[in-house]
Amino acid sequence: MARTRRYKKVEKNIALTIFNQIGRFFKFTKNGIAKFWKLGSRKLTIMVVPHSQSKVLNFQTNFFAIISGFIIVLGIAGAFFYFNKKTVSSHTEISRLSNENRETLASLDELRAENNNLLQVAKRFESSFNQTIAPLGINKKTNTKNGSGSDLSSLFNVRELSSGTLKETSDIQQLTSFLESAIQPIEQISKMLQSQGSLFADIPSVHPLKGGIGHISAPFGQMEHPLTGQWYIHKGMDFSTWRSGDPIIATANGKVVTVSFDHGFGNYVIIQHKHGFYTRYAHLQKVKVVNGASVSQGDVIGFVGNTGISTGPHLHYEVHIGSDVVDPAKYINVITK
């Protein structure tokens, strides 16, 4: 019981001490505020004494007004410097954006010029393309996407009639529409070329010297024999490079049916092709194929020589259809192997 009273007494003393300290703190704070207020409310007189005989001006104020005015002046000055800095930064950014805008406009003008050149080239391409596919019987598909036809003529007519400049996007859309419509005819041409390519590979349609080198030293037909001086029918074409050893190629796919030597032709090769074609290659220096071998168009079968009755290194080349000898020039095209 006594211990309980002692605890209560101690708690009471602690509580009294805390309350006393709080009371002193509030009292100290109150006194400080009162002294500060009294000091700030103290009257001050500011006198302005002119150098002339004018009346002296008196201004009454206090510390609070002076401090408030000083703070306001600092605030105004700070705001002035802040917004001035922001203004300078804004002017710099505006100048940068103006330069970028000028560069963008210059690029846009260049793009418009290139776009116009592209459309002019496309117009010429369309004309050539239509002329190309017309003999082939290929109809160009009309693309009605976005409500516009694929024919570029409508685009150019509009450009000529318009007093202003059409948007580049509209031009590109028209051009894209035309190119899309051209895909199908080009695919058809590709298929035709692929099918025709196999046909050309089966007939003697390339130059018999690799790379198309040399010149024609004697054409097909009537001519004077260089050794006897008599007129005769030259049944082939002579190709010369003024040297021996240049490669000779098969002018079409086929099968080697003869590899032999003849007093007149020297070393020669005969190849049988499809559709009744035969080709003969004579005066070879060296033969690279054997009898019965299958060859493809462009394969090297031998080398230019001067064997047999010959006045110099050359290739004597013949084309036969069945039992008839024909002019090889009618079948040799611009393709070189």
C-alpha atoms as a PDB file:
ATOM      1  CA  MET A   1       0.000   0.000   0.000  1.00  0.00           C
ATOM      2  CA  ALA A   2       2.826   2.356   0.940  1.00  0.00           C
ATOM      3  CA  ARG A   3       4.666   1.391  -2.245  1.00  0.00           C
ATOM      4  CA  THR A   4       1.572   2.284  -4.294  1.00  0.00           C
ATOM      5  CA  ARG A   5       1.387   5.702  -2.655  1.00  0.00           C
ATOM      6  CA  ARG A   6       5.051   6.294  -3.458  1.00  0.00           C
ATOM      7  CA  TYR A   7       4.480   5.406  -7.132  1.00  0.00           C
ATOM      8  CA  LYS A   8       1.494   7.714  -7.370  1.00  0.00           C
ATOM      9  CA  LYS A   9       3.472  10.484  -5.706  1.00  0.00           C
ATOM     10  CA  VAL A  10       6.337  10.007  -8.181  1.00  0.00           C
ATOM     11  CA  GLU A  11       3.892  10.021 -11.137  1.00  0.00           C
ATOM     12  CA  LYS A  12       2.299  13.163  -9.791  1.00  0.00           C
ATOM     13  CA  ASN A  13       5.670  14.869  -9.459  1.00  0.00           C
ATOM     14  CA  ILE A  14       6.632  13.852 -13.009  1.00  0.00           C
ATOM     15  CA  ALA A  15       3.310  15.137 -14.392  1.00  0.00           C
ATOM     16  CA  LEU A  16       3.723  18.421 -12.501  1.00  0.00           C
ATOM     17  CA  THR A  17       7.235  18.786 -13.862  1.00  0.00           C
ATOM     18  CA  ILE A  18       6.074  18.195 -17.453  1.00  0.00           C
ATOM     19  CA  PHE A  19       3.200  20.655 -17.114  1.00  0.00           C
ATOM     20  CA  ASN A  20       5.535  23.231 -15.591  1.00  0.00           C
ATOM     21  CA  GLN A  21       7.997  22.838 -18.479  1.00  0.00           C
ATOM     22  CA  ILE A  22       5.194  23.144 -21.030  1.00  0.00           C
ATOM     23  CA  GLY A  23       3.880  26.200 -19.216  1.00  0.00           C
ATOM     24  CA  ARG A  24       7.354  27.784 -19.238  1.00  0.00           C
ATOM     25  CA  PHE A  25       7.756  27.014 -22.973  1.00  0.00           C
ATOM     26  CA  PHE A  26       4.433  28.657 -23.862  1.00  0.00           C
ATOM     27  CA  LYS A  27       5.242  31.586 -21.610  1.00  0.00           C
ATOM     28  CA  PHE A  28       8.674  31.979 -23.223  1.00  0.00           C
ATOM     29  CA  THR A  29       7.128  31.742 -26.688  1.00  0.00           C
ATOM     30  CA  LYS A  30       4.447  34.243 -25.754  1.00  0.00           C
ATOM     31  CA  ASN A  31       7.002  36.677 -24.372  1.00  0.00           C
ATOM     32  CA  GLY A  32       9.197  36.265 -27.471  1.00  0.00           C
ATOM     33  CA  ILE A  33       6.276  36.916 -29.804  1.00  0.00           C
ATOM     34  CA  ALA A  34       5.235  39.899 -27.741  1.00  0.00           C
ATOM     35  CA  LYS A  35       8.769  41.351 -27.801  1.00  0.00           C
ATOM     36  CA  PHE A  36       9.053  40.713 -31.561  1.00  0.00           C
ATOM     37  CA  TRP A  37       5.668  42.304 -32.200  1.00  0.00           C
ATOM     38  CA  LYS A  38       6.571  45.268 -29.974  1.00  0.00           C
ATOM     39  CA  LEU A  39       9.891  45.647 -31.806  1.00  0.00           C
ATOM     40  CA  GLY A  40       8.272  45.280 -35.228  1.00  0.00           C
ATOM     41  CA  SER A  41       5.492  47.709 -34.339  1.00  0.00           C
ATOM     42  CA  ARG A  42       7.929  50.381 -33.252  1.00  0.00           C
ATOM     43  CA  LYS A  43       7.362  53.548 -35.180  1.00  0.00           C
ATOM     44  CA  LEU A  44      10.044  54.839 -37.511  1.00  0.00           C
ATOM     45  CA  THR A  45      10.177  58.138 -39.260  1.00  0.00           C
ATOM     46  CA  ILE A  46      11.916  58.483 -42.593  1.00  0.00           C
ATOM     47  CA  MET A  47      12.825  62.002 -43.561  1.00  0.00           C
ATOM     48  CA  VAL A  48      13.597  63.104 -47.124  1.00  0.00           C
ATOM     49  CA  VAL A  49      15.563  66.354 -47.051  1.00  0.00           C
ATOM     50  CA  PRO A  50      15.833  68.010 -50.479  1.00  0.00           C
ATOM     51  CA  HIS A  51      18.853  70.191 -51.341  1.00  0.00           C
ATOM     52  CA  SER A  52      16.534  72.997 -52.308  1.00  0.00           C
ATOM     53  CA  GLN A  53      14.307  75.042 -50.075  1.00  0.00           C
ATOM     54  CA  SER A  54      11.481  72.591 -50.502  1.00  0.00           C
ATOM     55  CA  LYS A  55       9.643  71.194 -47.540  1.00  0.00           C
ATOM     56  CA  VAL A  56      11.104  68.165 -45.797  1.00  0.00           C
ATOM     57  CA  LEU A  57       9.110  65.037 -46.392  1.00  0.00           C
ATOM     58  CA  ASN A  58       8.387  62.715 -43.480  1.00  0.00           C
ATOM     59  CA  PHE A  59       7.268  59.114 -43.765  1.00  0.00           C
ATOM     60  CA  GLN A  60       6.177  57.135 -40.762  1.00  0.00           C
ATOM     61  CA  THR A  61       6.417  53.373 -40.882  1.00  0.00           C
ATOM     62  CA  ASN A  62       7.502  50.394 -38.806  1.00  0.00           C
ATOM     63  CA  PHE A  63       9.852  47.438 -39.053  1.00  0.00           C
ATOM     64  CA  PHE A  64       7.121  45.096 -40.337  1.00  0.00           C
ATOM     65  CA  ALA A  65       6.365  47.384 -43.267  1.00  0.00           C
ATOM     66  CA  ILE A  66      10.069  47.738 -44.095  1.00  0.00           C
ATOM     67  CA  ILE A  67      10.646  43.969 -43.916  1.00  0.00           C
ATOM     68  CA  SER A  68       7.482  43.287 -45.958  1.00  0.00           C
ATOM     69  CA  GLY A  69       8.552  45.844 -48.578  1.00  0.00           C
ATOM     70  CA  PHE A  70      12.050  44.334 -48.711  1.00  0.00           C
ATOM     71  CA  ILE A  71      10.567  40.862 -49.194  1.00  0.00           C
ATOM     72  CA  ILE A  72       8.226  42.147 -51.915  1.00  0.00           C
ATOM     73  CA  VAL A  73      11.106  43.864 -53.700  1.00  0.00           C
ATOM     74  CA  LEU A  74      13.187  40.672 -53.503  1.00  0.00           C
ATOM     75  CA  GLY A  75      10.244  38.669 -54.835  1.00  0.00           C
ATOM     76  CA  ILE A  76       9.699  41.066 -57.730  1.00  0.00           C
ATOM     77  CA  ALA A  77      13.425  41.081 -58.562  1.00  0.00           C
ATOM     78  CA  GLY A  78      13.581  37.281 -58.357  1.00  0.00           C
ATOM     79  CA  ALA A  79      10.503  36.934 -60.546  1.00  0.00           C
ATOM     80  CA  PHE A  80      11.977  39.409 -63.040  1.00  0.00           C
ATOM     81  CA  PHE A  81      15.246  37.485 -63.356  1.00  0.00           C
ATOM     82  CA  TYR A  82      13.415  34.125 -63.526  1.00  0.00           C
ATOM     83  CA  PHE A  83      11.019  35.175 -66.277  1.00  0.00           C
ATOM     84  CA  ASN A  84      13.795  37.021 -68.103  1.00  0.00           C
ATOM     85  CA  LYS A  85      15.809  33.787 -68.154  1.00  0.00           C
ATOM     86  CA  LYS A  86      12.768  31.873 -69.339  1.00  0.00           C
ATOM     87  CA  THR A  87      12.203  34.464 -72.073  1.00  0.00           C
ATOM     88  CA  VAL A  88      15.795  34.177 -73.298  1.00  0.00           C
ATOM     89  CA  SER A  89      15.483  30.400 -73.278  1.00  0.00           C
ATOM     90  CA  SER A  90      12.192  30.642 -75.169  1.00  0.00           C
ATOM     91  CA  HIS A  91      13.740  32.945 -77.782  1.00  0.00           C
ATOM     92  CA  THR A  92      16.624  30.500 -78.222  1.00  0.00           C
ATOM     93  CA  GLU A  93      14.204  27.588 -78.642  1.00  0.00           C
ATOM     94  CA  ILE A  94      12.077  29.606 -81.083  1.00  0.00           C
ATOM     95  CA  SER A  95      15.196  30.452 -83.105  1.00  0.00           C
ATOM     96  CA  ARG A  96      16.205  26.793 -83.172  1.00  0.00           C
ATOM     97  CA  LEU A  97      12.733  25.718 -84.238  1.00  0.00           C
ATOM     98  CA  SER A  98      12.698  28.408 -86.937  1.00  0.00           C
ATOM     99  CA  ASN A  99      15.981  27.096 -88.353  1.00  0.00           C
ATOM    100  CA  GLU A 100      14.665  23.540 -88.279  1.00  0.00           C
ATOM    101  CA  ASN A 101      11.473  24.718 -89.962  1.00  0.00           C
ATOM    102  CA  ARG A 102      13.471  26.388 -92.754  1.00  0.00           C
ATOM    103  CA  GLU A 103      15.539  23.234 -93.232  1.00  0.00           C
ATOM    104  CA  THR A 104      12.359  21.136 -93.263  1.00  0.00           C
ATOM    105  CA  LEU A 105      10.767  23.409 -95.865  1.00  0.00           C
ATOM    106  CA  ALA A 106      13.909  23.165 -98.003  1.00  0.00           C
ATOM    107  CA  SER A 107      13.835  19.371 -97.701  1.00  0.00           C
ATOM    108  CA  LEU A 108      10.137  19.385 -98.540  1.00  0.00           C
ATOM    109  CA  ASP A 109      10.774  21.447-101.675  1.00  0.00           C
ATOM    110  CA  GLU A 110      13.487  19.000-102.698  1.00  0.00           C
ATOM    111  CA  LEU A 111      11.141  16.099-101.995  1.00  0.00           C
ATOM    112  CA  ARG A 112       8.444  17.710-104.115  1.00  0.00           C
ATOM    113  CA  ALA A 113      10.900  18.155-106.981  1.00  0.00           C
ATOM    114  CA  GLU A 114      12.028  14.524-106.735  1.00  0.00           C
ATOM    115  CA  ASN A 115       8.404  13.431-106.499  1.00  0.00           C
ATOM    116  CA  ASN A 116       7.617  15.343-109.680  1.00  0.00           C
ATOM    117  CA  ASN A 117      10.600  13.719-111.434  1.00  0.00           C
ATOM    118  CA  LEU A 118       9.404  10.321-110.217  1.00  0.00           C
ATOM    119  CA  LEU A 119       5.944  10.915-111.632  1.00  0.00           C
ATOM    120  CA  GLN A 120       7.376  12.000-114.990  1.00  0.00           C
ATOM    121  CA  VAL A 121       9.506   8.846-115.148  1.00  0.00           C
ATOM    122  CA  ALA A 122       6.459   6.798-114.153  1.00  0.00           C
ATOM    123  CA  LYS A 123       4.507   8.375-116.987  1.00  0.00           C
ATOM    124  CA  ARG A 124       7.167   7.353-119.514  1.00  0.00           C
ATOM    125  CA  PHE A 125       7.351   3.899-117.922  1.00  0.00           C
ATOM    126  CA  GLU A 126       3.596   3.473-118.234  1.00  0.00           C
ATOM    127  CA  SER A 127       3.704   4.333-121.936  1.00  0.00           C
ATOM    128  CA  SER A 128       6.558   1.899-122.596  1.00  0.00           C
ATOM    129  CA  PHE A 129       4.971  -0.765-120.417  1.00  0.00           C
ATOM    130  CA  ASN A 130       1.640  -0.558-122.251  1.00  0.00           C
ATOM    131  CA  GLN A 131       3.422  -0.765-125.617  1.00  0.00           C
ATOM    132  CA  THR A 132       5.340  -3.818-124.380  1.00  0.00           C
ATOM    133  CA  ILE A 133       2.397  -5.832-123.111  1.00  0.00           C
ATOM    134  CA  ALA A 134       0.041  -4.916-125.958  1.00  0.00           C
ATOM    135  CA  PRO A 135       1.635  -7.309-128.543  1.00  0.00           C
ATOM    136  CA  LEU A 136       1.692 -10.057-125.923  1.00  0.00           C
ATOM    137  CA  GLY A 137      -2.080  -9.898-125.488  1.00  0.00           C
ATOM    138  CA  ILE A 138      -1.788  -9.187-121.757  1.00  0.00           C
ATOM    139  CA  ASN A 139      -4.426  -6.950-120.273  1.00  0.00           C
ATOM    140  CA  LYS A 140      -3.384  -4.759-117.398  1.00  0.00           C
ATOM    141  CA  LYS A 141      -5.628  -5.251-114.397  1.00  0.00           C
ATOM    142  CA  THR A 142      -7.378  -2.129-113.202  1.00  0.00           C
ATOM    143  CA  ASN A 143      -7.012  -1.466-109.492  1.00  0.00           C
ATOM    144  CA  THR A 144     -10.081   0.316-108.106  1.00  0.00           C
ATOM    145  CA  LYS A 145      -8.723   0.481-104.588  1.00  0.00           C
ATOM    146  CA  ASN A 146      -9.589   3.746-102.840  1.00  0.00           C
ATOM    147  CA  GLY A 147     -11.890   4.583-105.746  1.00  0.00           C
ATOM    148  CA  SER A 148      -9.065   5.307-108.215  1.00  0.00           C
ATOM    149  CA  GLY A 149      -8.035   3.584-111.397  1.00  0.00           C
ATOM    150  CA  SER A 150      -4.555   2.296-112.026  1.00  0.00           C
ATOM    151  CA  ASP A 151      -4.037   4.360-115.168  1.00  0.00           C
ATOM    152  CA  LEU A 152      -1.621   7.172-114.429  1.00  0.00           C
ATOM    153  CA  SER A 153      -3.164   9.332-117.156  1.00  0.00           C
ATOM    154  CA  SER A 154      -5.931  10.373-114.777  1.00  0.00           C
ATOM    155  CA  LEU A 155      -3.329  11.562-112.296  1.00  0.00           C
ATOM    156  CA  PHE A 156      -1.432  13.623-114.864  1.00  0.00           C
ATOM    157  CA  ASN A 157      -4.630  15.088-116.305  1.00  0.00           C
ATOM    158  CA  VAL A 158      -5.644  16.209-112.836  1.00  0.00           C
ATOM    159  CA  ARG A 159      -2.207  17.719-112.269  1.00  0.00           C
ATOM    160  CA  GLU A 160      -2.453  19.668-115.522  1.00  0.00           C
ATOM    161  CA  LEU A 161      -5.956  20.977-114.801  1.00  0.00           C
ATOM    162  CA  SER A 162      -5.345  21.831-111.173  1.00  0.00           C
ATOM    163  CA  SER A 163      -4.377  25.417-110.443  1.00  0.00           C
ATOM    164  CA  GLY A 164      -2.584  24.400-107.270  1.00  0.00           C
ATOM    165  CA  THR A 165      -0.275  21.609-106.179  1.00  0.00           C
ATOM    166  CA  LEU A 166      -1.819  18.303-105.215  1.00  0.00           C
ATOM    167  CA  LYS A 167      -0.734  16.650-102.020  1.00  0.00           C
ATOM    168  CA  GLU A 168       2.287  14.397-102.378  1.00  0.00           C
ATOM    169  CA  THR A 169       0.449  11.646-100.571  1.00  0.00           C
ATOM    170  CA  SER A 170      -2.216  11.604-103.271  1.00  0.00           C
ATOM    171  CA  ASP A 171       0.475  11.355-105.952  1.00  0.00           C
ATOM    172  CA  ILE A 172       2.171   8.472-104.181  1.00  0.00           C
ATOM    173  CA  GLN A 173      -1.159   6.678-103.748  1.00  0.00           C
ATOM    174  CA  GLN A 174      -1.830   6.963-107.491  1.00  0.00           C
ATOM    175  CA  LEU A 175       1.657   5.715-108.301  1.00  0.00           C
ATOM    176  CA  THR A 176       1.314   2.841-105.840  1.00  0.00           C
ATOM    177  CA  SER A 177      -2.017   1.903-107.413  1.00  0.00           C
ATOM    178  CA  PHE A 178      -0.414   1.780-110.854  1.00  0.00           C
ATOM    179  CA  LEU A 179       2.511  -0.344-109.662  1.00  0.00           C
ATOM    180  CA  GLU A 180       0.127  -2.778-107.974  1.00  0.00           C
ATOM    181  CA  SER A 181      -1.787  -3.151-111.227  1.00  0.00           C
ATOM    182  CA  ALA A 182       1.465  -3.791-113.110  1.00  0.00           C
ATOM    183  CA  ILE A 183       2.453  -6.731-110.914  1.00  0.00           C
ATOM    184  CA  GLN A 184       0.162  -9.251-112.621  1.00  0.00           C
ATOM    185  CA  PRO A 185       1.287  -8.449-116.212  1.00  0.00           C
ATOM    186  CA  ILE A 186       4.937  -8.589-115.154  1.00  0.00           C
ATOM    187  CA  GLU A 187       4.357 -11.980-113.520  1.00  0.00           C
ATOM    188  CA  GLN A 188       2.736 -13.186-116.740  1.00  0.00           C
ATOM    189  CA  ILE A 189       5.702 -11.907-118.757  1.00  0.00           C
ATOM    190  CA  SER A 190       8.057 -13.691-116.370  1.00  0.00           C
ATOM    191  CA  LYS A 191       6.187 -16.957-116.841  1.00  0.00           C
ATOM    192  CA  MET A 192       6.254 -16.505-120.603  1.00  0.00           C
ATOM    193  CA  LEU A 193       9.994 -15.833-120.550  1.00  0.00           C
ATOM    194  CA  GLN A 194      10.580 -18.896-118.412  1.00  0.00           C
ATOM    195  CA  SER A 195       8.644 -21.080-120.822  1.00  0.00           C
ATOM    196  CA  GLN A 196      10.335 -19.464-123.815  1.00  0.00           C
ATOM    197  CA  GLY A 197      13.723 -19.788-122.124  1.00  0.00           C
ATOM    198  CA  SER A 198      13.559 -23.563-122.300  1.00  0.00           C
ATOM    199  CA  LEU A 199      12.626 -23.289-125.996  1.00  0.00           C
ATOM    200  CA  PHE A 200      15.564 -20.978-126.737  1.00  0.00           C
ATOM    201  CA  ALA A 201      17.867 -23.354-124.900  1.00  0.00           C
ATOM    202  CA  ASP A 202      16.792 -26.165-127.247  1.00  0.00           C
ATOM    203  CA  ILE A 203      17.507 -24.274-130.477  1.00  0.00           C
ATOM    204  CA  PRO A 204      20.880 -22.815-131.632  1.00  0.00           C
ATOM    205  CA  SER A 205      20.258 -19.285-130.390  1.00  0.00           C
ATOM    206  CA  VAL A 206      23.582 -18.071-128.960  1.00  0.00           C
ATOM    207  CA  HIS A 207      26.968 -17.038-130.282  1.00  0.00           C
ATOM    208  CA  PRO A 208      29.216 -20.124-130.683  1.00  0.00           C
ATOM    209  CA  LEU A 209      32.290 -18.430-129.153  1.00  0.00           C
ATOM    210  CA  LYS A 210      32.194 -17.997-125.377  1.00  0.00           C
ATOM    211  CA  GLY A 211      31.450 -14.406-124.461  1.00  0.00           C
ATOM    212  CA  GLY A 212      30.450 -13.515-128.034  1.00  0.00           C
ATOM    213  CA  ILE A 213      34.036 -12.602-128.916  1.00  0.00           C
ATOM    214  CA  GLY A 214      35.552 -12.500-132.386  1.00  0.00           C
ATOM    215  CA  HIS A 215      34.177 -11.388-135.721  1.00  0.00           C
ATOM    216  CA  ILE A 216      32.544 -13.006-138.740  1.00  0.00           C
ATOM    217  CA  SER A 217      35.353 -13.690-141.201  1.00  0.00           C
ATOM    218  CA  ALA A 218      33.114 -15.432-143.770  1.00  0.00           C
ATOM    219  CA  PRO A 219      29.279 -15.258-143.937  1.00  0.00           C
ATOM    220  CA  PHE A 220      26.835 -17.912-145.113  1.00  0.00           C
ATOM    221  CA  GLY A 221      26.188 -18.124-148.871  1.00  0.00           C
ATOM    222  CA  GLN A 222      27.963 -17.704-152.183  1.00  0.00           C
ATOM    223  CA  MET A 223      31.592 -16.640-151.965  1.00  0.00           C
ATOM    224  CA  GLU A 224      34.979 -17.134-153.597  1.00  0.00           C
ATOM    225  CA  HIS A 225      37.134 -19.871-152.116  1.00  0.00           C
ATOM    226  CA  PRO A 226      40.266 -18.305-150.573  1.00  0.00           C
ATOM    227  CA  LEU A 227      42.511 -21.157-151.752  1.00  0.00           C
ATOM    228  CA  THR A 228      41.111 -22.296-155.141  1.00  0.00           C
ATOM    229  CA  GLY A 229      39.601 -18.968-156.193  1.00  0.00           C
ATOM    230  CA  GLN A 230      36.437 -20.731-157.376  1.00  0.00           C
ATOM    231  CA  TRP A 231      32.929 -19.626-156.421  1.00  0.00           C
ATOM    232  CA  TYR A 232      31.039 -21.964-154.131  1.00  0.00           C
ATOM    233  CA  ILE A 233      28.253 -22.007-151.530  1.00  0.00           C
ATOM    234  CA  HIS A 234      29.651 -21.512-148.051  1.00  0.00           C
ATOM    235  CA  LYS A 235      27.330 -23.627-145.880  1.00  0.00           C
ATOM    236  CA  GLY A 236      28.134 -22.006-142.576  1.00  0.00           C
ATOM    237  CA  MET A 237      29.631 -18.956-140.860  1.00  0.00           C
ATOM    238  CA  ASP A 238      33.292 -18.506-139.977  1.00  0.00           C
ATOM    239  CA  PHE A 239      34.180 -16.810-136.681  1.00  0.00           C
ATOM    240  CA  SER A 240      37.725 -15.602-136.080  1.00  0.00           C
ATOM    241  CA  THR A 241      39.593 -14.131-133.130  1.00  0.00           C
ATOM    242  CA  TRP A 242      42.991 -14.112-134.960  1.00  0.00           C
ATOM    243  CA  ARG A 243      44.259 -16.718-132.496  1.00  0.00           C
ATOM    244  CA  SER A 244      43.833 -20.355-131.474  1.00  0.00           C
ATOM    245  CA  GLY A 245      42.567 -21.611-128.131  1.00  0.00           C
ATOM    246  CA  ASP A 246      39.451 -19.516-127.592  1.00  0.00           C
ATOM    247  CA  PRO A 247      36.604 -21.630-126.116  1.00  0.00           C
ATOM    248  CA  ILE A 248      33.748 -22.819-128.316  1.00  0.00           C
ATOM    249  CA  ILE A 249      30.351 -23.496-126.698  1.00  0.00           C
ATOM    250  CA  ALA A 250      27.292 -25.561-127.569  1.00  0.00           C
ATOM    251  CA  THR A 251      24.698 -23.170-128.964  1.00  0.00           C
ATOM    252  CA  ALA A 252      21.794 -25.290-127.645  1.00  0.00           C
ATOM    253  CA  ASN A 253      21.027 -28.264-125.430  1.00  0.00           C
ATOM    254  CA  GLY A 254      21.662 -31.528-127.195  1.00  0.00           C
ATOM    255  CA  LYS A 255      23.636 -34.720-127.641  1.00  0.00           C
ATOM    256  CA  VAL A 256      27.035 -35.118-129.270  1.00  0.00           C
ATOM    257  CA  VAL A 257      26.537 -37.480-132.205  1.00  0.00           C
ATOM    258  CA  THR A 258      29.893 -37.059-133.985  1.00  0.00           C
ATOM    259  CA  VAL A 259      33.445 -36.326-132.843  1.00  0.00           C
ATOM    260  CA  SER A 260      35.826 -36.889-135.735  1.00  0.00           C
ATOM    261  CA  PHE A 261      38.560 -35.585-138.045  1.00  0.00           C
ATOM    262  CA  ASP A 262      38.088 -34.698-141.711  1.00  0.00           C
ATOM    263  CA  HIS A 263      40.585 -33.554-144.325  1.00  0.00           C
ATOM    264  CA  GLY A 264      38.501 -30.468-145.031  1.00  0.00           C
ATOM    265  CA  PHE A 265      36.881 -29.754-141.614  1.00  0.00           C
ATOM    266  CA  GLY A 266      39.818 -30.903-139.488  1.00  0.00           C
ATOM    267  CA  ASN A 267      38.692 -31.727-135.941  1.00  0.00           C
ATOM    268  CA  TYR A 268      34.926 -31.255-135.827  1.00  0.00           C
ATOM    269  CA  VAL A 269      31.913 -31.949-133.618  1.00  0.00           C
ATOM    270  CA  ILE A 270      28.258 -32.468-134.565  1.00  0.00           C
ATOM    271  CA  ILE A 271      25.527 -32.011-131.947  1.00  0.00           C
ATOM    272  CA  GLN A 272      21.924 -33.144-132.338  1.00  0.00           C
ATOM    273  CA  HIS A 273      19.250 -30.868-130.814  1.00  0.00           C
ATOM    274  CA  LYS A 274      15.498 -30.984-130.440  1.00  0.00           C
ATOM    275  CA  HIS A 275      13.080 -29.878-133.180  1.00  0.00           C
ATOM    276  CA  GLY A 276      15.307 -31.381-135.911  1.00  0.00           C
ATOM    277  CA  PHE A 277      18.309 -29.082-135.422  1.00  0.00           C
ATOM    278  CA  TYR A 278      21.941 -30.129-135.862  1.00  0.00           C
ATOM    279  CA  THR A 279      25.032 -27.946-135.423  1.00  0.00           C
ATOM    280  CA  ARG A 280      28.569 -28.527-136.714  1.00  0.00           C
ATOM    281  CA  TYR A 281      31.745 -26.985-135.229  1.00  0.00           C
ATOM    282  CA  ALA A 282      34.854 -27.435-137.439  1.00  0.00           C
ATOM    283  CA  HIS A 283      38.627 -26.682-137.533  1.00  0.00           C
ATOM    284  CA  LEU A 284      38.917 -27.181-133.755  1.00  0.00           C
ATOM    285  CA  GLN A 285      42.324 -27.152-132.162  1.00  0.00           C
ATOM    286  CA  LYS A 286      41.116 -29.502-129.441  1.00  0.00           C
ATOM    287  CA  VAL A 287      37.810 -31.272-128.737  1.00  0.00           C
ATOM    288  CA  LYS A 288      36.598 -31.337-125.135  1.00  0.00           C
ATOM    289  CA  VAL A 289      33.551 -33.638-125.487  1.00  0.00           C
ATOM    290  CA  VAL A 290      33.112 -37.283-126.476  1.00  0.00           C
ATOM    291  CA  ASN A 291      30.663 -38.989-128.767  1.00  0.00           C
ATOM    292  CA  GLY A 292      27.312 -39.644-127.024  1.00  0.00           C
ATOM    293  CA  ALA A 293      27.767 -36.971-124.361  1.00  0.00           C
ATOM    294  CA  SER A 294      24.851 -34.725-123.403  1.00  0.00           C
ATOM    295  CA  VAL A 295      25.632 -31.006-123.412  1.00  0.00           C
ATOM    296  CA  SER A 296      23.777 -27.911-122.278  1.00  0.00           C
ATOM    297  CA  GLN A 297      23.636 -24.555-123.985  1.00  0.00           C
ATOM    298  CA  GLY A 298      26.820 -22.701-123.036  1.00  0.00           C
ATOM    299  CA  ASP A 299      28.972 -25.766-122.267  1.00  0.00           C
ATOM    300  CA  VAL A 300      32.496 -25.596-123.689  1.00  0.00           C
ATOM    301  CA  ILE A 301      32.898 -28.329-126.322  1.00  0.00           C
ATOM    302  CA  GLY A 302      36.307 -27.398-127.769  1.00  0.00           C
ATOM    303  CA  PHE A 303      38.730 -24.644-128.761  1.00  0.00           C
ATOM    304  CA  VAL A 304      39.341 -22.566-131.871  1.00  0.00           C
ATOM    305  CA  GLY A 305      42.024 -24.051-134.112  1.00  0.00           C
ATOM    306  CA  ASN A 306      43.468 -24.223-137.612  1.00  0.00           C
ATOM    307  CA  THR A 307      43.040 -27.917-138.477  1.00  0.00           C
ATOM    308  CA  GLY A 308      41.880 -29.147-141.914  1.00  0.00           C
ATOM    309  CA  ILE A 309      41.742 -26.867-144.950  1.00  0.00           C
ATOM    310  CA  SER A 310      42.042 -23.478-143.292  1.00  0.00           C
ATOM    311  CA  THR A 311      43.834 -20.194-143.925  1.00  0.00           C
ATOM    312  CA  GLY A 312      44.083 -19.306-140.239  1.00  0.00           C
ATOM    313  CA  PRO A 313      42.612 -19.988-136.779  1.00  0.00           C
ATOM    314  CA  HIS A 314      38.814 -19.781-136.939  1.00  0.00           C
ATOM    315  CA  LEU A 315      35.593 -21.668-136.214  1.00  0.00           C
ATOM    316  CA  HIS A 316      33.439 -22.945-139.071  1.00  0.00           C
ATOM    317  CA  TYR A 317      29.869 -23.119-137.679  1.00  0.00           C
ATOM    318  CA  GLU A 318      26.867 -24.728-139.420  1.00  0.00           C
ATOM    319  CA  VAL A 319      23.180 -25.067-138.557  1.00  0.00           C
ATOM    320  CA  HIS A 320      21.085 -27.852-140.119  1.00  0.00           C
ATOM    321  CA  ILE A 321      17.341 -28.439-139.917  1.00  0.00           C
ATOM    322  CA  GLY A 322      16.840 -32.025-140.996  1.00  0.00           C
ATOM    323  CA  SER A 323      18.716 -32.348-144.288  1.00  0.00           C
ATOM    324  CA  ASP A 324      18.639 -28.611-145.033  1.00  0.00           C
ATOM    325  CA  VAL A 325      21.513 -26.244-144.265  1.00  0.00           C
ATOM    326  CA  VAL A 326      20.330 -22.831-143.071  1.00  0.00           C
ATOM    327  CA  ASP A 327      22.005 -19.511-142.397  1.00  0.00           C
ATOM    328  CA  PRO A 328      23.146 -19.534-138.716  1.00  0.00           C
ATOM    329  CA  ALA A 329      22.721 -15.743-138.585  1.00  0.00           C
ATOM    330  CA  LYS A 330      18.939 -16.248-138.462  1.00  0.00           C
ATOM    331  CA  TYR A 331      19.248 -18.035-135.134  1.00  0.00           C
ATOM    332  CA  ILE A 332      22.157 -16.337-133.394  1.00  0.00           C
ATOM    333  CA  ASN A 333      20.720 -13.732-131.037  1.00  0.00           C
ATOM    334  CA  VAL A 334      22.316 -11.199-128.727  1.00  0.00           C
ATOM    335  CA  ILE A 335      22.561 -13.645-125.819  1.00  0.00           C
ATOM    336  CA  THR A 336      26.149 -14.564-124.993  1.00  0.00           C
ATOM    337  CA  LYS A 337      27.305 -17.405-122.812  1.00  0.00           C
END
